[in-house]
Structure formats: structure tokens, C-alpha cells
Amino acid sequence: MLGLRFNLPILFMSKNPAKKIINDPLKCADELFEGLILAYDGKVKKVGKRSMVLNELRPNAPALLVGGGAGHEPIYHGLVGKGMADGAAVGEIFAAPPPDIVLEATQAVNRGKGVLYLYGNYAGDVMNFDIGAELAADEGIEVKTVIIADDVPSAPISAKHNRRGVAGLVPITKLAGAAAATVDTLDELARIAQKACDMTRSVGVSTKPGSIPATGEPTFELADDVIGLGMGIHGEKGVALIPMCTADELAPKMLDLIFADDLPLGAGDEIVFFVNSLGSTHLMELLILLRSAKPILEAKGIKIHQTIVDNIVTCQEMAGVSFSITKLDAELKKLWDLPCESIGYTKL
């Protein structure tokens, strides 16, 4: 099944709601978006209700538009920048951007060479971006779509088109952004973005749920002695439970799921390895897990071209970690090595 989203807040409060320093819980998406625009220091501008676009766009070039719900900061809208996405359409907390916001973002990034939509595989996003593409077509704007579906535990290989888009979206957006800065046609941009998706796999685990600001309620329950395997970044609980364990025990379990998938990985392969916090897991734990994972990769002869250890794909205060692997060939490696700059990820 496609990942679910919470589209309407449930207006009740927990006896022990998650503490958040906010104003109106129902205005979080708008207010964080306004803050994000300010954080870009004049490099982006707000468009319409809740879209953003770079002020300096490469002329006469195909555009890269990303988008998704708020509440996962810094993605997706924190991945707009030089060598990254040209713009972003932003939804409510854990909700897809509606078609009118998708359209306003499409209009803003279009420079006459068409627009590529790049977003995660969730039912609401697919529906709303498809409607946005139809509205754009009515205005003569060509749109192509590439959907990110890197979450290995969420569906078997035979149904991998149903997998959710999770932390792999970071290396995928970086590669697609590098392509958008260099290629001249929408077809070529879409080809490279799809290739980046095809070469990326992720596995995540959770040790504590996140919450929705409107309610303060945890999105699922998780006992202290278990870990949720394959949780979703919109508060979906995992597809299975495993006993609480050490980093040295957990890292091989996560990597084995990626190794067992249909992306061949072996001696001589080069990868980008992304260790991501789901929100409240500290850098200490990420680094200890990296220490556990790297010898496993090295034993297979897999070379890590670059390691990313960061808090980029989040679910409020959810605790947990994900591993993402992007396999590089000569074309993708060249694109990866190009510099990029954004709030969420910068490569010098």
C-alpha cells in the first residue's frame, strides 16, 4: 500500500502532549514556511500561498520542482538552492500540497523548457501533483514526473512501485539538482532523476514515535523493548517489530535488507551512504551506527565515495535512524561531485 498521510488534524489534546515552542498549532505549516523563506537570506522568494522559487534561475533550462508535506524539515522545501531544486510546493503538516499550490510553484519555476516533478510515493502527493500537471498542461507547460520509492521494507520487490519515498530523496534530489543545472532538455533531466531513484535504497527504524502539532498525540505506540522496522516519515508505524538491540546488532540487520533487494551491490561498487536521524536521535547514535555499518560494507568490497551523517528527513520528534545507499556509476558520480547549496544539504 502507498503510505498514508494525516490530511485533517484531530482536535483533541493528549494529557501529556509533546512540548513545542509554537504559536497556533493549526498555523505551523504557514509560519515555519515564512521562517524558512527568511532563513534563505534572500536567495528564494515566496510564491502564492505556500510555494518558493530560487531568485536566480538558469535561463532557458528545464526546471526541477520538489514538494511534499511540512513537518519533515528540512526536506523537501529545504532542498531548494544552487545545484539542488529550483523550487518547492509545500503542504500542511504531513499532508500533500494541494493542486493549486503545485500549479503556482510550476508556473514560478518554468522557463519554457518544462518542469520535472520529483516527490515521494504517497497517495495524496501522487493525486495532487497529477492534477497540478493537468492544470499546467492546460497552460501549455510540459510536465514530467519521477516518483521516489526507496523504502525497501514497505513493499516486496514484486511490488516495489508501491514503496514509500523516505530518506533516499536527499541523494536523489542532489543528483537531480546537479542534472537540472547542466542538462538542456526535460527528457534528459527526467532520465537522470529516474536513474538516481533506481540506484537508491533505504531502510529505517524507529525507537520513539513523532507527533502532530495540532494534537500533540504520538502517531503510534511503541514499547520500550522493541524497535519499529520500516516506519514511515509521516508517522506510520513500522511494518514489523524487532527486539531492542545494540548498534552492532542493528546495523547488519538494516544493511542485510538492502543487500537482499534487487540493487546489485558488490566488490568494486561505489556508493553514497547516508545515515539519517528521524528527528530526535542524536549524532552520537548516528556515528556509532556508522562505525558498525562501514566494516560490513568494506567486507563486501563496497567503496563509500561519500558519507552523509545528518538530520535531514525527519518526523517531528520521532527517534530513529535510516540508512540510504545510492549506487554510483560514472555519470552519477560526476553529477554527485558537483557543488550544491541549500538549507538542508550543502556540498562544497
Protein backbone atom coordinates (compact mmCIF):
# COMPACT_ATOMS: atom_id res chain seq x y z
CA MET A 1 0.00 0.00 0.00
CA LEU A 2 1.06 3.57 -0.55
CA GLY A 3 2.00 5.42 2.61
CA LEU A 4 -0.84 7.27 4.31
CA ARG A 5 -0.90 10.87 5.40
CA PHE A 6 -2.81 12.77 8.02
CA ASN A 7 -4.79 15.30 5.97
CA LEU A 8 -7.08 16.66 8.68
CA PRO A 9 -5.99 17.35 12.27
CA ILE A 10 -7.90 15.62 15.05
CA LEU A 11 -8.70 18.38 17.52
CA PHE A 12 -8.04 16.89 20.93
CA MET A 13 -5.03 17.06 23.17
CA SER A 14 -3.11 14.37 24.96
CA LYS A 15 -2.76 14.52 28.73
CA ASN A 16 0.97 14.79 28.05
CA PRO A 17 1.26 16.49 24.67
CA ALA A 18 4.63 16.89 23.00
CA LYS A 19 6.14 20.21 24.03
CA LYS A 20 6.65 22.53 21.07
CA ILE A 21 7.56 26.22 21.10
CA ILE A 22 4.99 27.38 18.55
CA ASN A 23 2.08 29.80 18.24
CA ASP A 24 -1.18 28.46 16.81
CA PRO A 25 -0.84 24.66 16.23
CA LEU A 26 -3.05 24.98 13.14
CA LYS A 27 -0.77 27.59 11.56
CA CYS A 28 2.52 25.71 11.91
CA ALA A 29 2.90 24.97 8.20
CA ASP A 30 2.45 28.61 7.19
CA GLU A 31 4.62 30.03 9.95
CA LEU A 32 7.50 27.59 9.52
CA PHE A 33 7.36 28.30 5.77
CA GLU A 34 7.65 32.03 6.43
CA GLY A 35 10.61 31.34 8.71
CA LEU A 36 12.25 29.17 6.06
CA ILE A 37 11.99 31.93 3.47
CA LEU A 38 13.81 34.22 5.92
CA ALA A 39 16.46 31.57 6.56
CA TYR A 40 17.41 31.58 2.87
CA ASP A 41 18.69 35.18 3.24
CA GLY A 42 17.11 36.49 0.07
CA LYS A 43 18.08 33.60 -2.21
CA VAL A 44 14.48 32.43 -2.61
CA LYS A 45 11.12 34.15 -2.77
CA LYS A 46 7.66 33.12 -1.66
CA VAL A 47 5.18 32.47 -4.45
CA GLY A 48 1.43 32.37 -3.95
CA LYS A 49 0.11 30.63 -0.85
CA ARG A 50 2.92 28.24 0.09
CA SER A 51 5.49 27.80 -2.67
CA MET A 52 9.05 29.01 -3.07
CA VAL A 53 11.37 29.53 -6.01
CA LEU A 54 15.02 30.49 -6.39
CA ASN A 55 15.59 34.12 -7.30
CA GLU A 56 18.39 33.20 -9.70
CA LEU A 57 17.37 30.51 -12.17
CA ARG A 58 19.39 29.22 -15.12
CA PRO A 59 17.64 30.70 -18.18
CA ASN A 60 16.10 28.57 -20.91
CA ALA A 61 16.53 25.37 -18.90
CA PRO A 62 14.28 22.57 -17.64
CA ALA A 63 13.12 23.07 -14.05
CA LEU A 64 13.23 20.76 -11.04
CA LEU A 65 10.27 21.10 -8.67
CA VAL A 66 10.12 19.14 -5.42
CA GLY A 67 7.34 19.07 -2.89
CA GLY A 68 5.56 17.40 -0.04
CA GLY A 69 4.08 17.98 3.36
CA ALA A 70 5.52 20.21 6.05
CA GLY A 71 6.68 18.68 9.31
CA HIS A 72 9.74 16.89 7.87
CA GLU A 73 12.10 19.84 7.86
CA PRO A 74 14.46 20.48 6.29
CA ILE A 75 13.02 18.38 3.44
CA TYR A 76 11.60 18.96 0.87
CA HIS A 77 11.50 22.74 0.83
CA GLY A 78 14.91 22.97 2.49
CA LEU A 79 16.44 21.34 -0.59
CA VAL A 80 15.92 24.36 -2.85
CA GLY A 81 19.15 26.02 -3.89
CA LYS A 82 22.09 26.19 -6.23
CA GLY A 83 22.66 22.75 -7.72
CA MET A 84 19.53 21.49 -5.95
CA ALA A 85 15.83 22.01 -6.67
CA ASP A 86 14.62 25.19 -8.38
CA GLY A 87 11.51 25.43 -6.25
CA ALA A 88 9.16 23.61 -3.90
CA ALA A 89 5.44 23.21 -3.27
CA VAL A 90 4.61 22.80 0.42
CA GLY A 91 1.60 21.14 2.05
CA GLU A 92 0.19 21.23 5.55
CA ILE A 93 1.81 19.14 8.30
CA PHE A 94 2.17 15.58 6.92
CA ALA A 95 -0.19 16.44 4.03
CA ALA A 96 0.42 16.73 0.29
CA PRO A 97 0.44 20.22 -1.24
CA PRO A 98 -2.96 20.81 -2.92
CA PRO A 99 -3.13 21.17 -6.72
CA ASP A 100 -3.35 24.97 -6.64
CA ILE A 101 -0.07 25.19 -4.73
CA VAL A 102 1.54 22.69 -7.12
CA LEU A 103 0.38 24.83 -10.05
CA GLU A 104 1.66 28.10 -8.59
CA ALA A 105 5.06 26.50 -7.98
CA THR A 106 5.10 25.05 -11.50
CA GLN A 107 4.37 28.44 -13.03
CA ALA A 108 7.12 30.05 -10.96
CA VAL A 109 9.93 27.64 -11.90
CA ASN A 110 9.01 27.18 -15.58
CA ARG A 111 11.40 28.80 -18.06
CA GLY A 112 9.93 27.40 -21.25
CA LYS A 113 11.69 24.03 -21.19
CA GLY A 114 9.22 22.17 -18.98
CA VAL A 115 9.16 21.11 -15.34
CA LEU A 116 10.10 17.84 -13.64
CA TYR A 117 8.09 16.89 -10.56
CA LEU A 118 10.14 14.92 -8.01
CA TYR A 119 8.38 13.74 -4.85
CA GLY A 120 7.76 10.77 -2.57
CA ASN A 121 5.38 7.91 -3.32
CA TYR A 122 2.34 8.76 -1.19
CA ALA A 123 -1.24 8.62 -2.39
CA GLY A 124 -2.07 12.26 -1.68
CA ASP A 125 1.07 13.53 -3.38
CA VAL A 126 0.53 11.39 -6.46
CA MET A 127 -3.06 12.58 -6.82
CA ASN A 128 -2.38 16.27 -6.22
CA PHE A 129 0.75 16.50 -8.34
CA ASP A 130 -1.05 14.67 -11.17
CA ILE A 131 -3.85 17.24 -11.01
CA GLY A 132 -1.26 20.01 -10.89
CA ALA A 133 0.37 18.57 -14.03
CA GLU A 134 -3.00 18.57 -15.80
CA LEU A 135 -3.59 22.20 -14.83
CA ALA A 136 -0.10 23.09 -16.04
CA ALA A 137 -0.71 21.32 -19.35
CA ASP A 138 -3.80 23.49 -19.84
CA GLU A 139 -1.45 26.47 -19.69
CA GLY A 140 1.00 24.94 -22.16
CA ILE A 141 3.61 23.88 -19.57
CA GLU A 142 5.09 20.44 -20.18
CA VAL A 143 5.48 18.36 -17.03
CA LYS A 144 7.18 15.04 -16.40
CA THR A 145 7.12 13.14 -13.11
CA VAL A 146 9.61 10.96 -11.28
CA ILE A 147 8.39 9.36 -8.05
CA ILE A 148 10.76 8.44 -5.25
CA ALA A 149 10.10 4.94 -3.83
CA ASP A 150 13.25 3.89 -1.99
CA ASP A 151 11.79 2.36 1.22
CA VAL A 152 12.72 -1.34 0.98
CA PRO A 153 10.62 -2.69 3.91
CA SER A 154 7.37 -1.06 2.77
CA ALA A 155 6.78 -3.43 -0.18
CA PRO A 156 8.43 -6.51 -1.72
CA ILE A 157 10.46 -6.41 -4.92
CA SER A 158 7.44 -7.67 -6.88
CA ALA A 159 5.50 -4.56 -5.82
CA LYS A 160 8.30 -2.06 -5.40
CA HIS A 161 6.30 0.57 -7.30
CA ASN A 162 4.22 0.75 -4.09
CA ARG A 163 7.18 1.58 -1.86
CA ARG A 164 7.22 4.82 0.07
CA GLY A 165 9.69 7.62 -0.54
CA VAL A 166 11.90 8.15 2.50
CA ALA A 167 15.44 9.42 3.19
CA GLY A 168 16.80 8.40 -0.21
CA LEU A 169 15.15 11.54 -1.50
CA VAL A 170 18.19 13.53 -0.30
CA PRO A 171 20.82 11.95 -2.59
CA ILE A 172 18.20 11.66 -5.33
CA THR A 173 17.38 15.37 -5.16
CA LYS A 174 21.08 16.24 -5.08
CA LEU A 175 21.71 14.22 -8.26
CA ALA A 176 18.60 15.55 -9.98
CA GLY A 177 19.56 19.08 -8.96
CA ALA A 178 23.01 18.67 -10.48
CA ALA A 179 21.36 17.44 -13.66
CA ALA A 180 18.94 20.37 -13.70
CA ALA A 181 21.93 22.70 -13.54
CA THR A 182 23.64 21.12 -16.54
CA VAL A 183 21.26 19.42 -18.99
CA ASP A 184 19.19 21.20 -21.63
CA THR A 185 16.08 19.04 -22.03
CA LEU A 186 13.29 17.85 -19.77
CA ASP A 187 13.66 14.31 -21.11
CA GLU A 188 17.31 14.19 -20.07
CA LEU A 189 16.53 15.60 -16.62
CA ALA A 190 13.79 13.00 -16.11
CA ARG A 191 16.08 10.19 -17.27
CA ILE A 192 18.80 11.08 -14.77
CA ALA A 193 16.34 11.58 -11.91
CA GLN A 194 14.78 8.19 -12.60
CA LYS A 195 18.23 6.61 -12.74
CA ALA A 196 19.06 8.11 -9.34
CA CYS A 197 15.83 6.63 -7.96
CA ASP A 198 16.58 3.23 -9.47
CA MET A 199 20.02 3.22 -7.82
CA THR A 200 18.81 4.18 -4.32
CA ARG A 201 17.53 2.00 -1.46
CA SER A 202 16.68 2.87 2.15
CA VAL A 203 15.80 1.10 5.39
CA GLY A 204 14.66 2.90 8.54
CA VAL A 205 13.89 2.01 12.14
CA SER A 206 12.14 3.91 14.92
CA THR A 207 12.57 3.84 18.69
CA LYS A 208 10.00 6.54 19.53
CA PRO A 209 7.04 8.00 17.60
CA GLY A 210 6.63 11.55 16.44
CA SER A 211 3.51 13.66 16.89
CA ILE A 212 1.21 16.04 15.06
CA PRO A 213 1.45 19.66 16.30
CA ALA A 214 -2.33 20.11 16.14
CA THR A 215 -2.90 17.38 18.71
CA GLY A 216 0.36 16.65 20.47
CA GLU A 217 -0.58 12.99 20.20
CA PRO A 218 2.01 10.35 19.26
CA THR A 219 1.27 8.87 15.86
CA PHE A 220 1.71 5.31 17.13
CA GLU A 221 2.71 3.40 20.24
CA LEU A 222 5.99 1.58 20.64
CA ALA A 223 7.08 -0.42 23.69
CA ASP A 224 10.45 0.31 25.24
CA ASP A 225 11.85 -3.15 24.50
CA VAL A 226 11.24 -3.14 20.71
CA ILE A 227 12.29 -1.23 17.59
CA GLY A 228 9.89 -0.48 14.73
CA LEU A 229 11.28 -1.64 11.40
CA GLY A 230 10.34 0.26 8.26
CA MET A 231 8.49 3.18 9.85
CA GLY A 232 7.10 5.92 7.62
CA ILE A 233 8.14 9.55 7.78
CA HIS A 234 4.53 10.72 8.20
CA GLY A 235 4.09 8.90 11.48
CA GLU A 236 3.30 5.46 10.10
CA LYS A 237 4.41 2.75 12.47
CA GLY A 238 6.81 0.14 11.17
CA VAL A 239 5.92 -2.92 9.15
CA ALA A 240 7.46 -5.18 11.82
CA LEU A 241 8.89 -5.15 15.33
CA ILE A 242 12.34 -6.38 16.32
CA PRO A 243 13.80 -6.63 19.83
CA MET A 244 15.70 -3.62 21.13
CA CYS A 245 19.37 -4.24 20.40
CA THR A 246 22.81 -2.68 20.19
CA ALA A 247 24.19 -0.68 17.26
CA ASP A 248 26.48 -3.57 16.32
CA GLU A 249 23.43 -5.84 16.15
CA LEU A 250 21.14 -3.38 14.37
CA ALA A 251 23.43 -2.20 11.57
CA PRO A 252 23.75 -5.62 9.87
CA LYS A 253 20.01 -6.20 10.13
CA MET A 254 19.36 -2.94 8.27
CA LEU A 255 22.05 -3.47 5.66
CA ASP A 256 21.01 -7.08 5.02
CA LEU A 257 17.58 -5.82 3.92
CA ILE A 258 19.24 -3.58 1.33
CA PHE A 259 21.66 -6.31 0.22
CA ALA A 260 18.75 -8.73 -0.28
CA ASP A 261 16.93 -6.32 -2.59
CA ASP A 262 17.28 -6.09 -6.37
CA LEU A 263 20.07 -3.47 -6.46
CA PRO A 264 23.28 -5.42 -7.07
CA LEU A 265 25.98 -4.35 -4.62
CA GLY A 266 29.39 -5.96 -4.52
CA ALA A 267 33.13 -5.61 -4.81
CA GLY A 268 34.19 -2.51 -6.71
CA ASP A 269 30.89 -0.67 -6.43
CA GLU A 270 30.93 2.92 -5.22
CA ILE A 271 28.12 4.38 -3.15
CA VAL A 272 26.87 7.40 -1.28
CA PHE A 273 26.00 6.25 2.25
CA PHE A 274 23.50 8.42 4.12
CA VAL A 275 22.88 7.89 7.85
CA ASN A 276 19.83 9.99 8.77
CA SER A 277 18.16 10.86 12.06
CA LEU A 278 14.36 10.80 12.02
CA GLY A 279 14.23 13.81 14.30
CA SER A 280 15.41 13.39 17.88
CA THR A 281 18.08 10.70 17.55
CA HIS A 282 21.40 12.32 18.40
CA LEU A 283 24.53 12.49 16.31
CA MET A 284 26.19 10.22 18.87
CA GLU A 285 23.93 7.33 17.91
CA LEU A 286 24.30 8.01 14.18
CA LEU A 287 28.07 7.93 14.43
CA ILE A 288 28.05 4.73 16.46
CA LEU A 289 25.81 3.12 13.83
CA LEU A 290 28.13 4.36 11.07
CA ARG A 291 31.02 2.75 12.97
CA SER A 292 29.04 -0.51 12.95
CA ALA A 293 28.00 -0.31 9.30
CA LYS A 294 31.16 0.71 7.50
CA PRO A 295 33.15 -2.51 8.16
CA ILE A 296 30.22 -4.51 6.75
CA LEU A 297 30.34 -2.51 3.53
CA GLU A 298 34.11 -2.75 3.34
CA ALA A 299 33.98 -6.53 3.80
CA LYS A 300 31.89 -6.71 0.62
CA GLY A 301 34.39 -4.56 -1.26
CA ILE A 302 31.94 -1.67 -1.49
CA LYS A 303 33.64 1.72 -1.55
CA ILE A 304 31.94 4.67 0.14
CA HIS A 305 32.51 7.63 -2.18
CA GLN A 306 30.87 9.98 0.32
CA THR A 307 29.28 9.59 3.73
CA ILE A 308 26.47 11.87 4.93
CA VAL A 309 25.55 11.80 8.62
CA ASP A 310 22.82 14.29 9.38
CA ASN A 311 19.29 15.12 10.48
CA ILE A 312 17.58 15.89 7.15
CA VAL A 313 14.49 13.68 6.70
CA THR A 314 12.51 13.99 9.92
CA CYS A 315 9.13 13.31 11.51
CA GLN A 316 8.89 15.89 14.28
CA GLU A 317 10.43 14.41 17.45
CA MET A 318 10.43 10.81 16.19
CA ALA A 319 13.52 8.92 17.31
CA GLY A 320 15.09 6.54 14.86
CA VAL A 321 17.58 6.22 12.07
CA SER A 322 17.65 5.29 8.41
CA PHE A 323 20.36 4.02 6.09
CA SER A 324 20.24 5.04 2.43
CA ILE A 325 22.56 3.72 -0.24
CA THR A 326 22.88 5.26 -3.71
CA LYS A 327 25.00 3.26 -6.13
CA LEU A 328 27.10 5.47 -8.40
CA ASP A 329 28.15 4.82 -11.96
CA ALA A 330 30.43 7.18 -13.91
CA GLU A 331 27.57 9.50 -14.88
CA LEU A 332 26.06 9.75 -11.42
CA LYS A 333 29.47 10.12 -9.76
CA LYS A 334 30.26 13.12 -11.96
CA LEU A 335 26.95 14.73 -11.03
CA TRP A 336 27.42 13.91 -7.34
CA ASP A 337 30.79 15.65 -7.26
CA LEU A 338 29.31 18.98 -8.42
CA PRO A 339 28.83 21.50 -5.59
CA CYS A 340 25.39 22.39 -4.25
CA GLU A 341 23.97 24.69 -1.62
CA SER A 342 20.68 24.63 0.28
CA ILE A 343 19.38 24.92 3.84
CA GLY A 344 19.05 21.14 4.12
CA TYR A 345 22.16 19.89 2.35
CA THR A 346 25.27 21.66 1.04
CA LYS A 347 28.22 20.09 -0.76
CA LEU A 348 31.30 22.25 -1.31
